[in-house]
Amino acid sequence: MTIADLCLLAAFILTHVSVMPAKLDGREDYDNANPRNPGFYRQGLRARALGAHQNGFEIFPFFAVAVILAEMRGVQQSLVDLQAIAFILVRIVYVLLYLTNRPSARSAVWAIGVFCGLLIFFSPVWANR
């Protein structure tokens, strides 16, 4: 198992951890029998945590495909590992910015994260020349 493979697990975990502040914020209101109640996530920290959570699900498939393709195409593993670590670090910052309601910085960091994913995805193009 490579470091990049472990970053796939980290991205999965981060996606699920990002919604936890909403559930902690609304312990009294949270209904585990109806966990997707849109009213629970209507505003404030809860809405932002849900947004970060959903965005994690949106970016995860691309990140996973990019890592798997880079590894399958024989890109130097240390390069894939480094890029995957960068992606995870950027995503952590993204979630923190989302939770703390910093939309402009969050959008910039989101773009950096997408760029990291694109670097991994296209790394076979220049790595195997």
N, C-alpha and C. Protein backbone atom coordinates (compact mmCIF):
# COMPACT_ATOMS: atom_id res chain seq x y z
N MET A 1 0.85 -1.18 0.00
CA MET A 1 0.00 0.00 0.00
C MET A 1 0.89 1.24 0.00
N THR A 2 0.55 2.18 -0.87
CA THR A 2 1.37 3.38 -1.01
C THR A 2 0.82 4.52 -0.15
N ILE A 3 1.61 5.57 -0.03
CA ILE A 3 1.16 6.75 0.69
C ILE A 3 -0.05 7.37 -0.04
N ALA A 4 -0.01 7.37 -1.36
CA ALA A 4 -1.14 7.90 -2.13
C ALA A 4 -2.41 7.09 -1.87
N ASP A 5 -2.24 5.77 -1.73
CA ASP A 5 -3.40 4.93 -1.40
C ASP A 5 -3.98 5.32 -0.04
N LEU A 6 -3.11 5.58 0.90
CA LEU A 6 -3.57 6.00 2.23
C LEU A 6 -4.23 7.39 2.16
N CYS A 7 -3.78 8.21 1.23
CA CYS A 7 -4.42 9.52 1.04
C CYS A 7 -5.85 9.35 0.52
N LEU A 8 -6.11 8.30 -0.24
CA LEU A 8 -7.49 8.02 -0.66
C LEU A 8 -8.35 7.77 0.58
N LEU A 9 -7.83 6.99 1.50
CA LEU A 9 -8.55 6.74 2.75
C LEU A 9 -8.72 8.04 3.53
N ALA A 10 -7.68 8.85 3.58
CA ALA A 10 -7.75 10.13 4.30
C ALA A 10 -8.82 11.04 3.69
N ALA A 11 -8.92 11.07 2.36
CA ALA A 11 -9.94 11.89 1.71
C ALA A 11 -11.34 11.40 2.05
N PHE A 12 -11.51 10.10 2.09
CA PHE A 12 -12.80 9.51 2.47
C PHE A 12 -13.15 9.90 3.91
N ILE A 13 -12.19 9.75 4.81
CA ILE A 13 -12.43 10.08 6.22
C ILE A 13 -12.71 11.57 6.39
N LEU A 14 -11.94 12.41 5.71
CA LEU A 14 -12.13 13.86 5.82
C LEU A 14 -13.53 14.26 5.37
N THR A 15 -14.02 13.62 4.34
CA THR A 15 -15.38 13.91 3.86
C THR A 15 -16.41 13.65 4.95
N HIS A 16 -16.23 12.59 5.69
CA HIS A 16 -17.19 12.25 6.74
C HIS A 16 -16.98 13.06 8.02
N VAL A 17 -15.75 13.36 8.33
CA VAL A 17 -15.45 14.14 9.53
C VAL A 17 -15.93 15.59 9.37
N SER A 18 -15.95 16.08 8.14
CA SER A 18 -16.31 17.49 7.92
C SER A 18 -17.75 17.82 8.33
N VAL A 19 -18.63 16.85 8.39
CA VAL A 19 -20.02 17.12 8.79
C VAL A 19 -20.21 16.99 10.31
N MET A 20 -19.23 16.47 10.99
CA MET A 20 -19.36 16.26 12.45
C MET A 20 -19.62 17.54 13.23
N PRO A 21 -19.00 18.68 12.88
CA PRO A 21 -19.32 19.90 13.65
C PRO A 21 -20.80 20.24 13.63
N ALA A 22 -21.48 19.95 12.54
CA ALA A 22 -22.93 20.22 12.49
C ALA A 22 -23.66 19.36 13.50
N LYS A 23 -23.29 18.12 13.58
CA LYS A 23 -23.97 17.21 14.49
C LYS A 23 -23.63 17.53 15.95
N LEU A 24 -22.40 17.98 16.18
CA LEU A 24 -22.03 18.37 17.54
C LEU A 24 -22.72 19.68 17.93
N ASP A 25 -22.84 20.59 16.96
CA ASP A 25 -23.49 21.87 17.22
C ASP A 25 -24.97 21.68 17.58
N GLY A 26 -25.60 20.70 16.97
CA GLY A 26 -27.02 20.51 17.19
C GLY A 26 -27.37 19.21 17.88
N ARG A 27 -26.55 18.84 18.86
CA ARG A 27 -26.78 17.57 19.56
C ARG A 27 -28.23 17.37 19.98
N GLU A 28 -28.84 18.44 20.49
CA GLU A 28 -30.22 18.32 20.99
C GLU A 28 -31.22 18.16 19.85
N ASP A 29 -30.91 18.78 18.70
CA ASP A 29 -31.85 18.79 17.58
C ASP A 29 -31.63 17.64 16.60
N TYR A 30 -30.46 17.02 16.65
CA TYR A 30 -30.13 15.99 15.64
C TYR A 30 -30.96 14.74 15.88
N ASP A 31 -31.58 14.28 14.81
CA ASP A 31 -32.41 13.07 14.87
C ASP A 31 -31.76 12.00 14.01
N ASN A 32 -31.14 11.04 14.65
CA ASN A 32 -30.44 9.98 13.93
C ASN A 32 -31.40 9.12 13.10
N ALA A 33 -32.68 9.14 13.43
CA ALA A 33 -33.66 8.42 12.62
C ALA A 33 -33.96 9.17 11.32
N ASN A 34 -33.62 10.45 11.27
CA ASN A 34 -33.83 11.26 10.08
C ASN A 34 -32.58 12.11 9.84
N PRO A 35 -31.43 11.47 9.54
CA PRO A 35 -30.15 12.18 9.49
C PRO A 35 -30.01 13.16 8.33
N ARG A 36 -30.87 13.06 7.33
CA ARG A 36 -30.76 13.97 6.18
C ARG A 36 -31.84 15.04 6.18
N ASN A 37 -32.43 15.28 7.32
CA ASN A 37 -33.45 16.31 7.45
C ASN A 37 -32.87 17.66 7.04
N PRO A 38 -33.36 18.24 5.93
CA PRO A 38 -32.78 19.50 5.47
C PRO A 38 -32.95 20.64 6.47
N GLY A 39 -33.96 20.59 7.30
CA GLY A 39 -34.16 21.63 8.29
C GLY A 39 -33.03 21.71 9.30
N PHE A 40 -32.43 20.58 9.61
CA PHE A 40 -31.33 20.55 10.57
C PHE A 40 -30.12 21.34 10.05
N TYR A 41 -29.90 21.29 8.75
CA TYR A 41 -28.72 21.90 8.13
C TYR A 41 -29.03 23.26 7.49
N ARG A 42 -30.06 23.92 7.95
CA ARG A 42 -30.58 25.10 7.26
C ARG A 42 -29.61 26.28 7.25
N GLN A 43 -28.89 26.56 8.34
CA GLN A 43 -28.09 27.78 8.38
C GLN A 43 -26.86 27.63 9.27
N GLY A 44 -26.01 28.65 9.18
CA GLY A 44 -24.84 28.75 10.04
C GLY A 44 -23.85 27.61 9.88
N LEU A 45 -23.24 27.23 10.99
CA LEU A 45 -22.22 26.19 11.00
C LEU A 45 -22.75 24.89 10.41
N ARG A 46 -23.98 24.57 10.71
CA ARG A 46 -24.54 23.31 10.20
C ARG A 46 -24.60 23.31 8.67
N ALA A 47 -25.02 24.41 8.09
CA ALA A 47 -25.10 24.51 6.62
C ALA A 47 -23.70 24.46 6.01
N ARG A 48 -22.74 25.12 6.64
CA ARG A 48 -21.37 25.13 6.11
C ARG A 48 -20.75 23.74 6.23
N ALA A 49 -20.99 23.06 7.34
CA ALA A 49 -20.45 21.70 7.51
C ALA A 49 -21.04 20.76 6.47
N LEU A 50 -22.31 20.90 6.21
CA LEU A 50 -22.95 20.07 5.18
C LEU A 50 -22.36 20.39 3.81
N GLY A 51 -22.12 21.66 3.54
CA GLY A 51 -21.51 22.05 2.27
C GLY A 51 -20.13 21.45 2.09
N ALA A 52 -19.31 21.50 3.14
CA ALA A 52 -17.98 20.90 3.07
C ALA A 52 -18.08 19.39 2.86
N HIS A 53 -19.01 18.77 3.55
CA HIS A 53 -19.25 17.33 3.44
C HIS A 53 -19.64 16.97 2.00
N GLN A 54 -20.59 17.70 1.44
CA GLN A 54 -21.04 17.41 0.08
C GLN A 54 -19.95 17.66 -0.94
N ASN A 55 -19.16 18.71 -0.74
CA ASN A 55 -18.08 18.99 -1.67
C ASN A 55 -17.03 17.89 -1.64
N GLY A 56 -16.83 17.30 -0.46
CA GLY A 56 -15.92 16.16 -0.37
C GLY A 56 -16.37 15.00 -1.24
N PHE A 57 -17.67 14.75 -1.25
CA PHE A 57 -18.20 13.69 -2.11
C PHE A 57 -18.08 14.05 -3.59
N GLU A 58 -18.14 15.33 -3.90
CA GLU A 58 -18.02 15.76 -5.29
C GLU A 58 -16.61 15.60 -5.83
N ILE A 59 -15.59 15.88 -5.01
CA ILE A 59 -14.20 15.83 -5.48
C ILE A 59 -13.57 14.45 -5.31
N PHE A 60 -14.07 13.64 -4.39
CA PHE A 60 -13.43 12.35 -4.11
C PHE A 60 -13.31 11.45 -5.34
N PRO A 61 -14.36 11.26 -6.14
CA PRO A 61 -14.20 10.35 -7.29
C PRO A 61 -13.08 10.77 -8.24
N PHE A 62 -12.97 12.08 -8.51
CA PHE A 62 -11.91 12.54 -9.40
C PHE A 62 -10.54 12.29 -8.79
N PHE A 63 -10.39 12.59 -7.52
CA PHE A 63 -9.11 12.35 -6.84
C PHE A 63 -8.76 10.87 -6.87
N ALA A 64 -9.72 10.01 -6.58
CA ALA A 64 -9.46 8.57 -6.57
C ALA A 64 -9.05 8.08 -7.96
N VAL A 65 -9.76 8.51 -8.98
CA VAL A 65 -9.43 8.10 -10.35
C VAL A 65 -8.04 8.61 -10.72
N ALA A 66 -7.74 9.85 -10.37
CA ALA A 66 -6.43 10.42 -10.71
C ALA A 66 -5.30 9.63 -10.08
N VAL A 67 -5.44 9.30 -8.79
CA VAL A 67 -4.39 8.53 -8.10
C VAL A 67 -4.25 7.14 -8.72
N ILE A 68 -5.35 6.47 -8.93
CA ILE A 68 -5.30 5.11 -9.48
C ILE A 68 -4.70 5.11 -10.88
N LEU A 69 -5.11 6.05 -11.73
CA LEU A 69 -4.54 6.12 -13.08
C LEU A 69 -3.04 6.40 -13.05
N ALA A 70 -2.63 7.35 -12.22
CA ALA A 70 -1.21 7.68 -12.14
C ALA A 70 -0.41 6.46 -11.69
N GLU A 71 -0.92 5.72 -10.72
CA GLU A 71 -0.21 4.53 -10.25
C GLU A 71 -0.22 3.43 -11.32
N MET A 72 -1.33 3.25 -12.00
CA MET A 72 -1.42 2.22 -13.04
C MET A 72 -0.52 2.54 -14.24
N ARG A 73 -0.34 3.82 -14.52
CA ARG A 73 0.46 4.22 -15.68
C ARG A 73 1.95 4.33 -15.35
N GLY A 74 2.32 3.96 -14.15
CA GLY A 74 3.73 3.88 -13.80
C GLY A 74 4.41 5.19 -13.49
N VAL A 75 3.64 6.18 -13.07
CA VAL A 75 4.26 7.44 -12.64
C VAL A 75 5.10 7.14 -11.41
N GLN A 76 6.24 7.79 -11.31
CA GLN A 76 7.11 7.59 -10.16
C GLN A 76 6.29 7.73 -8.88
N GLN A 77 6.31 6.69 -8.05
CA GLN A 77 5.42 6.65 -6.88
C GLN A 77 5.66 7.80 -5.93
N SER A 78 6.90 8.21 -5.76
CA SER A 78 7.16 9.33 -4.84
C SER A 78 6.47 10.61 -5.31
N LEU A 79 6.37 10.78 -6.63
CA LEU A 79 5.68 11.95 -7.18
C LEU A 79 4.18 11.87 -6.91
N VAL A 80 3.59 10.71 -7.14
CA VAL A 80 2.15 10.53 -6.87
C VAL A 80 1.88 10.74 -5.39
N ASP A 81 2.73 10.17 -4.55
CA ASP A 81 2.56 10.31 -3.10
C ASP A 81 2.60 11.78 -2.68
N LEU A 82 3.57 12.51 -3.19
CA LEU A 82 3.71 13.93 -2.84
C LEU A 82 2.50 14.73 -3.29
N GLN A 83 2.03 14.48 -4.49
CA GLN A 83 0.88 15.20 -5.00
C GLN A 83 -0.38 14.85 -4.21
N ALA A 84 -0.51 13.59 -3.83
CA ALA A 84 -1.68 13.17 -3.05
C ALA A 84 -1.65 13.80 -1.66
N ILE A 85 -0.49 13.87 -1.06
CA ILE A 85 -0.36 14.53 0.25
C ILE A 85 -0.74 16.01 0.12
N ALA A 86 -0.25 16.66 -0.93
CA ALA A 86 -0.59 18.07 -1.15
C ALA A 86 -2.10 18.24 -1.28
N PHE A 87 -2.75 17.34 -2.01
CA PHE A 87 -4.20 17.41 -2.18
C PHE A 87 -4.90 17.32 -0.82
N ILE A 88 -4.48 16.37 0.00
CA ILE A 88 -5.12 16.18 1.31
C ILE A 88 -4.90 17.41 2.20
N LEU A 89 -3.70 17.94 2.21
CA LEU A 89 -3.44 19.14 3.03
C LEU A 89 -4.29 20.32 2.57
N VAL A 90 -4.41 20.49 1.27
CA VAL A 90 -5.25 21.57 0.74
C VAL A 90 -6.71 21.34 1.11
N ARG A 91 -7.16 20.10 1.05
CA ARG A 91 -8.55 19.79 1.40
C ARG A 91 -8.82 20.05 2.89
N ILE A 92 -7.86 19.78 3.73
CA ILE A 92 -8.03 20.08 5.16
C ILE A 92 -8.21 21.58 5.36
N VAL A 93 -7.36 22.37 4.71
CA VAL A 93 -7.49 23.82 4.79
C VAL A 93 -8.84 24.26 4.24
N TYR A 94 -9.26 23.66 3.14
CA TYR A 94 -10.55 23.98 2.53
C TYR A 94 -11.69 23.76 3.53
N VAL A 95 -11.70 22.61 4.17
CA VAL A 95 -12.78 22.31 5.13
C VAL A 95 -12.75 23.31 6.28
N LEU A 96 -11.57 23.61 6.80
CA LEU A 96 -11.47 24.58 7.90
C LEU A 96 -11.98 25.96 7.47
N LEU A 97 -11.65 26.38 6.25
CA LEU A 97 -12.13 27.67 5.75
C LEU A 97 -13.65 27.64 5.56
N TYR A 98 -14.15 26.51 5.13
CA TYR A 98 -15.61 26.38 4.95
C TYR A 98 -16.30 26.51 6.30
N LEU A 99 -15.80 25.78 7.29
CA LEU A 99 -16.42 25.78 8.62
C LEU A 99 -16.35 27.14 9.30
N THR A 100 -15.28 27.88 9.03
CA THR A 100 -15.09 29.18 9.68
C THR A 100 -15.64 30.34 8.84
N ASN A 101 -16.37 30.02 7.78
CA ASN A 101 -17.10 31.00 6.98
C ASN A 101 -16.18 32.03 6.32
N ARG A 102 -15.23 31.53 5.57
CA ARG A 102 -14.32 32.39 4.82
C ARG A 102 -14.43 32.05 3.33
N PRO A 103 -15.51 32.51 2.70
CA PRO A 103 -15.83 32.05 1.34
C PRO A 103 -14.80 32.40 0.27
N SER A 104 -14.21 33.58 0.31
CA SER A 104 -13.25 33.95 -0.73
C SER A 104 -12.00 33.09 -0.65
N ALA A 105 -11.45 32.97 0.55
CA ALA A 105 -10.27 32.12 0.73
C ALA A 105 -10.61 30.67 0.41
N ARG A 106 -11.79 30.24 0.82
CA ARG A 106 -12.22 28.86 0.55
C ARG A 106 -12.25 28.59 -0.95
N SER A 107 -12.78 29.52 -1.73
CA SER A 107 -12.85 29.33 -3.18
C SER A 107 -11.45 29.25 -3.79
N ALA A 108 -10.55 30.08 -3.31
CA ALA A 108 -9.17 30.03 -3.82
C ALA A 108 -8.52 28.70 -3.48
N VAL A 109 -8.72 28.24 -2.27
CA VAL A 109 -8.13 26.97 -1.85
C VAL A 109 -8.78 25.80 -2.60
N TRP A 110 -10.08 25.92 -2.86
CA TRP A 110 -10.76 24.89 -3.66
C TRP A 110 -10.08 24.77 -5.03
N ALA A 111 -9.79 25.90 -5.66
CA ALA A 111 -9.14 25.90 -6.97
C ALA A 111 -7.77 25.24 -6.90
N ILE A 112 -7.04 25.51 -5.84
CA ILE A 112 -5.72 24.87 -5.65
C ILE A 112 -5.89 23.35 -5.53
N GLY A 113 -6.91 22.93 -4.79
CA GLY A 113 -7.17 21.50 -4.64
C GLY A 113 -7.51 20.84 -5.97
N VAL A 114 -8.33 21.49 -6.77
CA VAL A 114 -8.67 20.95 -8.09
C VAL A 114 -7.40 20.89 -8.95
N PHE A 115 -6.57 21.91 -8.86
CA PHE A 115 -5.31 21.92 -9.60
C PHE A 115 -4.42 20.75 -9.17
N CYS A 116 -4.36 20.47 -7.86
CA CYS A 116 -3.58 19.32 -7.37
C CYS A 116 -4.11 18.03 -7.99
N GLY A 117 -5.43 17.89 -8.02
CA GLY A 117 -6.03 16.70 -8.63
C GLY A 117 -5.70 16.59 -10.11
N LEU A 118 -5.74 17.72 -10.81
CA LEU A 118 -5.40 17.73 -12.23
C LEU A 118 -3.93 17.36 -12.45
N LEU A 119 -3.06 17.83 -11.58
CA LEU A 119 -1.64 17.46 -11.69
C LEU A 119 -1.47 15.95 -11.59
N ILE A 120 -2.16 15.35 -10.64
CA ILE A 120 -2.07 13.89 -10.49
C ILE A 120 -2.64 13.22 -11.74
N PHE A 121 -3.79 13.68 -12.19
CA PHE A 121 -4.46 13.06 -13.33
C PHE A 121 -3.59 13.10 -14.58
N PHE A 122 -2.96 14.25 -14.84
CA PHE A 122 -2.16 14.40 -16.04
C PHE A 122 -0.69 14.01 -15.86
N SER A 123 -0.30 13.59 -14.68
CA SER A 123 1.11 13.22 -14.46
C SER A 123 1.59 12.10 -15.38
N PRO A 124 0.75 11.16 -15.79
CA PRO A 124 1.26 10.14 -16.74
C PRO A 124 1.67 10.74 -18.08
N VAL A 125 1.12 11.87 -18.46
CA VAL A 125 1.42 12.48 -19.75
C VAL A 125 2.88 12.90 -19.81
N TRP A 126 3.36 13.59 -18.78
CA TRP A 126 4.73 14.07 -18.82
C TRP A 126 5.71 13.14 -18.10
N ALA A 127 5.23 12.26 -17.26
CA ALA A 127 6.14 11.38 -16.51
C ALA A 127 6.67 10.22 -17.35
N ASN A 128 5.94 9.83 -18.37
CA ASN A 128 6.34 8.65 -19.15
C ASN A 128 6.81 9.01 -20.55
N ARG A 129 7.46 10.14 -20.68
CA ARG A 129 8.00 10.54 -21.99
C ARG A 129 9.30 9.86 -22.28
